[in-house]
Protein backbone atom coordinates (compact mmCIF):
# COMPACT_ATOMS: atom_id res chain seq x y z
CA MET A 1 96.97 60.41 105.32
CA THR A 2 95.53 62.59 102.55
CA GLN A 3 97.60 65.75 102.98
CA PRO A 4 101.31 66.31 103.68
CA THR A 5 102.28 67.20 107.22
CA GLN A 6 104.25 70.31 108.08
CA ALA A 7 107.29 68.09 108.70
CA MET A 8 107.07 66.86 105.10
CA ILE A 9 106.78 70.39 103.75
CA ASP A 10 109.73 71.52 105.85
CA LEU A 11 111.77 68.55 104.63
CA TYR A 12 111.05 69.44 101.01
CA ASP A 13 111.93 73.08 101.67
CA ARG A 14 115.33 72.04 103.02
CA PHE A 15 115.89 69.90 99.95
CA THR A 16 114.90 72.57 97.43
CA HIS A 17 117.15 75.15 99.08
CA GLY A 18 120.19 72.91 99.23
CA ARG A 19 120.27 72.54 102.95
CA ASP A 20 120.56 68.87 103.64
CA PRO A 21 119.02 65.89 101.92
CA ASN A 22 119.87 64.83 98.40
CA ARG A 23 117.06 63.37 96.29
CA ARG A 24 117.63 59.82 97.54
CA ASP A 25 117.68 60.90 101.19
CA LEU A 26 114.66 63.11 100.61
CA MET A 27 112.62 60.16 99.38
CA ALA A 28 113.83 57.88 102.17
CA GLU A 29 112.85 60.38 104.86
CA MET A 30 109.59 61.20 103.10
CA ALA A 31 108.78 57.48 103.02
CA ARG A 32 109.48 57.23 106.74
CA LEU A 33 107.17 60.17 107.46
CA ALA A 34 104.44 59.01 105.08
CA GLY A 35 104.54 55.31 105.90
CA GLY A 36 105.88 53.97 102.62
CA MET A 37 107.37 54.91 99.28
CA ALA A 38 104.04 55.01 97.45
CA ALA A 39 102.62 57.40 100.03
CA ALA A 40 105.83 59.45 99.90
CA SER A 41 105.50 59.90 96.14
CA SER A 42 101.89 60.95 96.57
CA MET A 43 102.79 63.50 99.25
CA LEU A 44 105.65 64.87 97.17
CA GLY A 45 103.26 65.35 94.28
CA LEU A 46 101.20 67.66 96.46
CA ILE A 47 104.16 69.60 97.85
CA ALA A 48 106.18 70.13 94.68
CA ALA A 49 105.08 72.46 91.89
CA ARG A 50 103.34 70.70 89.01
CA SER A 51 104.75 71.34 85.57
CA ASP A 52 101.51 70.15 83.94
CA ALA A 53 99.19 72.50 85.85
CA ALA A 54 96.73 74.40 83.67
CA PRO A 55 97.46 78.14 83.37
CA MET A 56 95.05 80.77 84.60
CA VAL A 57 95.64 82.81 81.42
CA ALA A 58 96.32 80.95 78.16
CA ALA A 59 98.93 82.19 75.73
CA ASP A 60 96.22 82.80 73.12
CA ASP A 61 93.89 84.68 75.46
CA PRO A 62 92.35 87.48 73.32
CA ARG A 63 92.89 90.05 76.09
CA ILE A 64 96.67 89.89 75.66
CA LYS A 65 99.54 89.33 73.27
CA ALA A 66 102.24 86.94 74.50
CA ALA A 67 105.29 85.22 73.05
CA ASP A 68 108.69 83.81 73.97
CA ILE A 69 111.42 86.22 72.86
CA VAL A 70 115.14 86.86 73.23
CA ALA A 71 116.10 90.31 74.54
CA ASP A 72 119.40 91.80 73.36
CA LEU A 73 121.05 93.27 76.46
CA GLY A 74 124.14 94.53 74.61
CA SER A 75 127.79 93.59 75.11
CA GLY A 76 127.05 90.13 73.75
CA ARG A 77 124.54 89.30 76.52
CA THR A 78 120.98 88.15 75.93
CA MET A 79 117.99 87.27 78.09
CA ARG A 80 115.39 84.75 76.99
CA GLY A 81 111.90 85.15 78.34
CA HIS A 82 108.16 85.44 77.85
CA LEU A 83 106.79 88.89 77.02
CA ALA A 84 103.10 89.50 77.70
CA GLN A 85 101.20 92.73 77.11
CA PRO A 86 97.60 93.93 76.98
CA ALA A 87 96.00 93.62 73.56
CA LYS A 88 95.01 97.26 73.90
CA GLY A 89 96.80 100.10 75.67
CA ALA A 90 100.24 98.50 75.91
CA ALA A 91 102.00 101.71 74.88
CA THR A 92 101.09 103.41 78.15
CA ALA A 93 101.14 100.37 80.42
CA PRO A 94 103.60 100.04 83.33
CA ARG A 95 106.45 97.59 82.71
CA VAL A 96 107.31 94.70 85.04
CA LEU A 97 110.14 92.18 85.17
CA VAL A 98 108.98 88.80 86.55
CA ILE A 99 111.73 86.74 88.21
CA HIS A 100 111.34 83.01 88.70
CA GLU A 101 112.00 80.72 91.63
CA ASN A 102 115.13 78.56 91.84
CA ARG A 103 113.76 76.17 89.20
CA GLY A 104 114.27 78.61 86.35
CA LEU A 105 111.69 79.91 83.89
CA ASN A 106 108.71 77.57 83.57
CA ASP A 107 105.12 77.71 82.40
CA HIS A 108 103.93 78.98 85.78
CA ASN A 109 106.18 82.04 85.42
CA ARG A 110 104.89 82.62 81.91
CA ASP A 111 101.38 82.42 83.30
CA LEU A 112 102.24 85.01 85.96
CA ALA A 113 103.40 87.39 83.23
CA ARG A 114 100.16 86.83 81.33
CA ARG A 115 98.11 87.42 84.49
CA LEU A 116 99.86 90.76 84.86
CA ALA A 117 99.12 91.54 81.22
CA THR A 118 95.39 90.99 81.79
CA ALA A 119 95.68 93.49 84.66
CA GLY A 120 97.16 96.14 82.36
CA PHE A 121 100.92 95.57 82.65
CA VAL A 122 103.62 94.79 80.12
CA ALA A 123 105.37 91.88 81.83
CA PHE A 124 108.58 90.06 80.90
CA ALA A 125 109.18 86.74 82.64
CA ALA A 126 112.93 86.38 82.23
CA ASP A 127 115.04 83.22 82.17
CA PHE A 128 118.08 83.98 84.31
CA LEU A 129 119.59 80.67 83.22
CA THR A 130 120.00 82.05 79.69
CA PRO A 131 123.81 82.33 80.06
CA ALA A 132 123.94 78.64 81.00
CA GLY A 133 121.90 77.59 77.97
CA GLY A 134 118.44 78.25 79.35
CA THR A 135 116.17 76.48 81.80
CA PRO A 136 116.27 72.73 81.11
CA THR A 137 113.05 70.95 80.16
CA VAL A 138 114.35 67.39 80.53
CA GLY A 139 116.32 65.76 83.29
CA SER A 140 119.58 63.87 83.25
CA GLY A 141 119.34 60.18 84.07
CA THR A 142 117.56 59.89 87.41
CA THR A 143 117.80 63.67 88.01
CA SER A 144 114.70 65.73 87.22
CA ALA A 145 114.76 68.87 85.10
CA GLU A 146 113.93 70.90 88.22
CA ASP A 147 116.88 69.42 90.11
CA VAL A 148 119.16 70.20 87.16
CA ALA A 149 117.86 73.77 87.06
CA ARG A 150 118.44 74.25 90.79
CA ASP A 151 122.00 73.01 90.41
CA MET A 152 122.55 75.37 87.47
CA ILE A 153 121.22 78.35 89.43
CA GLY A 154 123.58 77.53 92.29
CA LYS A 155 126.50 77.76 89.87
CA LEU A 156 125.61 81.16 88.39
CA ASP A 157 128.01 84.03 88.93
CA ARG A 158 125.99 86.17 91.32
CA ALA A 159 127.49 89.52 90.34
CA GLN A 160 126.98 88.82 86.62
CA THR A 161 123.45 87.58 87.25
CA VAL A 162 122.52 90.80 89.05
CA ALA A 163 124.17 92.80 86.25
CA ASP A 164 122.06 90.89 83.71
CA GLY A 165 118.99 91.75 85.77
CA VAL A 166 119.88 95.44 85.71
CA ALA A 167 120.47 95.24 81.95
CA THR A 168 117.08 93.57 81.52
CA LEU A 169 115.39 96.40 83.39
CA GLN A 170 117.16 98.86 81.10
CA TRP A 171 116.10 96.84 78.05
CA LEU A 172 112.49 96.93 79.22
CA ALA A 173 112.62 100.72 79.56
CA ALA A 174 114.24 101.22 76.16
CA LYS A 175 112.86 98.47 73.92
CA ALA A 176 109.68 96.91 75.30
CA PRO A 177 106.18 98.30 74.90
CA GLY A 178 104.99 100.31 77.85
CA LYS A 179 105.90 103.48 79.65
CA GLY A 180 108.55 104.49 82.17
CA ALA A 181 111.09 102.64 84.28
CA ALA A 182 110.22 99.05 85.06
CA GLY A 183 109.14 97.44 88.28
CA ALA A 184 110.04 93.89 89.28
CA VAL A 185 108.34 91.06 91.11
CA GLY A 186 110.16 87.91 92.17
CA PHE A 187 109.44 84.70 94.03
CA CYS A 188 111.79 82.73 96.30
CA TRP A 189 115.16 83.00 94.49
CA GLY A 190 113.53 85.71 92.41
CA GLY A 191 112.45 87.56 95.53
CA GLY A 192 116.06 87.64 96.63
CA MET A 193 116.98 88.93 93.18
CA VAL A 194 114.47 91.78 93.54
CA ASN A 195 116.21 92.83 96.75
CA ALA A 196 119.60 92.59 95.03
CA LEU A 197 118.41 94.57 92.02
CA ALA A 198 117.03 97.25 94.31
CA VAL A 199 120.58 97.78 95.59
CA ASP A 200 122.31 97.74 92.19
CA ALA A 201 119.78 99.11 89.70
CA GLY A 202 119.37 102.63 91.02
CA PRO A 203 116.59 104.51 89.17
CA ALA A 204 116.32 101.70 86.58
CA LEU A 205 114.07 99.93 89.10
CA ARG A 206 110.92 101.90 89.86
CA ALA A 207 109.26 99.51 92.30
CA GLY A 208 110.07 96.04 93.60
CA VAL A 209 107.98 93.25 95.10
CA ALA A 210 109.78 90.38 96.81
CA TYR A 211 107.84 87.26 97.71
CA TYR A 212 109.66 85.34 100.48
CA GLY A 213 113.00 86.52 99.11
CA ALA A 214 116.35 86.46 100.87
CA ALA A 215 117.74 89.79 102.05
CA PRO A 216 121.12 90.91 100.68
CA GLN A 217 124.05 89.57 102.68
CA ASP A 218 125.25 93.14 103.19
CA VAL A 219 122.21 95.13 104.28
CA ALA A 220 124.26 98.35 104.11
CA GLY A 221 123.33 98.33 100.42
CA ALA A 222 119.95 99.68 101.49
CA ALA A 223 121.52 103.13 101.28
CA GLN A 224 121.69 102.69 97.47
CA VAL A 225 118.04 101.68 96.99
CA LYS A 226 115.98 104.12 94.91
CA ALA A 227 112.90 101.94 94.35
CA LYS A 228 109.98 101.50 96.69
CA LEU A 229 109.81 97.93 97.99
CA LEU A 230 106.96 95.64 98.97
CA LEU A 231 108.06 92.59 100.98
CA HIS A 232 105.81 89.53 101.34
CA TYR A 233 106.70 86.90 103.97
CA ALA A 234 105.19 83.51 104.77
CA GLY A 235 104.50 83.10 108.47
CA LEU A 236 105.97 79.56 108.61
CA ASP A 237 109.10 80.45 106.60
CA GLU A 238 111.66 80.68 109.42
CA ARG A 239 114.68 80.66 107.09
CA ILE A 240 113.70 83.79 105.13
CA ASN A 241 111.98 85.53 108.02
CA ALA A 242 115.15 85.44 110.09
CA MET A 243 116.75 87.78 107.53
CA ALA A 244 113.88 90.27 107.49
CA PRO A 245 114.47 92.45 110.59
CA ALA A 246 117.99 93.57 109.66
CA TRP A 247 116.99 94.31 106.05
CA GLN A 248 113.91 96.27 107.05
CA ALA A 249 115.83 98.21 109.68
CA ALA A 250 118.44 99.15 107.07
CA LEU A 251 115.74 100.24 104.61
CA LYS A 252 114.09 102.36 107.29
CA ALA A 253 117.39 103.95 108.28
CA ALA A 254 118.08 104.77 104.62
CA GLY A 255 114.70 106.44 104.19
CA VAL A 256 113.52 103.89 101.62
CA THR A 257 109.78 103.66 101.04
CA TYR A 258 108.82 100.09 101.84
CA ASP A 259 105.99 98.00 103.19
CA ALA A 260 106.14 94.48 104.62
CA HIS A 261 103.45 91.88 105.24
CA VAL A 262 103.64 88.56 107.06
CA TYR A 263 100.91 86.09 106.10
CA ALA A 264 100.26 84.01 109.19
CA GLY A 265 100.16 80.24 109.02
CA VAL A 266 101.30 79.87 105.41
CA ASN A 267 104.37 78.28 103.88
CA HIS A 268 107.20 79.48 101.69
CA GLY A 269 105.81 79.37 98.15
CA PHE A 270 102.26 80.19 99.20
CA ASN A 271 101.66 82.14 95.98
CA ASN A 272 102.40 79.19 93.68
CA ASP A 273 99.04 77.68 92.80
CA THR A 274 100.72 74.73 91.05
CA ALA A 275 101.91 73.37 94.43
CA ALA A 276 98.71 72.23 96.14
CA ALA A 277 100.00 71.69 99.68
CA ARG A 278 101.81 75.01 99.95
CA TYR A 279 99.44 77.24 98.01
CA ASP A 280 97.19 79.39 100.17
CA LYS A 281 94.42 80.97 98.12
CA ALA A 282 93.46 83.71 100.59
CA ALA A 283 97.04 84.82 101.23
CA ALA A 284 97.94 84.60 97.53
CA GLU A 285 95.00 86.70 96.42
CA LEU A 286 95.61 89.35 99.07
CA ALA A 287 99.32 89.53 98.27
CA TRP A 288 98.60 89.66 94.52
CA SER A 289 96.18 92.57 94.92
CA ARG A 290 98.78 94.43 96.97
CA THR A 291 101.42 93.59 94.37
CA GLN A 292 99.44 95.00 91.47
CA ALA A 293 98.68 98.21 93.34
CA TRP A 294 102.37 98.61 94.26
CA LEU A 295 103.58 98.12 90.71
CA ARG A 296 101.23 100.60 89.05
């Protein structure tokens, strides 16, 4: 066996979204599916995102300027993150908030911000775990840093987290280089946050792009959405896709400008090129081109 099976990918998806196995049970079941613990570890290495993956755009790329910063949101709140901008023309560039998956802010998210900067955007990849001390970089005992981050995200106060997102959009419009109200793009947990911000941010959010993001629990909030929304779905992602019809119907009824695309035969996380087994190059590139056009 050289590649993970769909059953292995589905198992990992359940684990990463807190729906059944703990880490020990995950490895036991993965070993059963793969035929041994060594094979299970190999398969998991292909399914999970790699923290050591090389970026597409380096931090010192001459086309951009990029740095980790701390944004002052007012009222004693801050937001850590990675701000990337074009080396030339940043003053008139569209602004974008980049929202991470449920592992917190990592180098892949920083790379996404820098990719947007090379395409002419001012992009801020925010760390929504800032109030909890920031995204961890080391684990605790036998628990990985990613597992710690997922646990931390699950403990965030949702209403305060959305409020911090709105404040970050307002900070971008008032303090960051660029022009006009900000857009937002989010992935997995971040995709759900884009949908939530669309409800709460009003005109502070100009355009939103949600990659395989959960719909708001109360879809009636669609009546408050002022932004245009682009919704990307993975064809094999039954969990997220089950939420899509009600959310899209509510957006349509509210007169919200939106577009939705389902990418057939691909998994949740298909855009993340650091996760070899789930990444789908064709779908990712098509979705990314649509994303850039939507955010301009």
